[in-house]
Amino acid sequence: MFYYIDCISFLLLIRAIIGPSNADRAVAIDTIGVNMMAITALVAIHLVTDKLNDVVLLIGILLYIGTIAVAKFIEKGVVIDRNNH
């Protein structure tokens, strides 16, 4: 089961490197992160432990912040606006 996710992640890595646009690269990187969450959750189920649930939530939070930053960069060209008033 992990081999399928690994193959998909490899294809997404190729898309992230040679994607035709920045939006395609952002979607590919976001999907790779979701696959990381899935792998971590499957490992937690396989090991019959709930210790990795925090890791899954942490990956999700970091993915959300990263997606917002990339979307803002694609839209405005800068992540943090520094207006000198």
Foldseek 3Di string as FASTA:
>chain_A
DVVVLVVLLVVLVVCLVPPPDLVSNLVSVLVNLVSVLVVLVVVCVVVVHPPSVVVSVVSVVVSVVVSLQSVVCVVPVHRDDDDDD
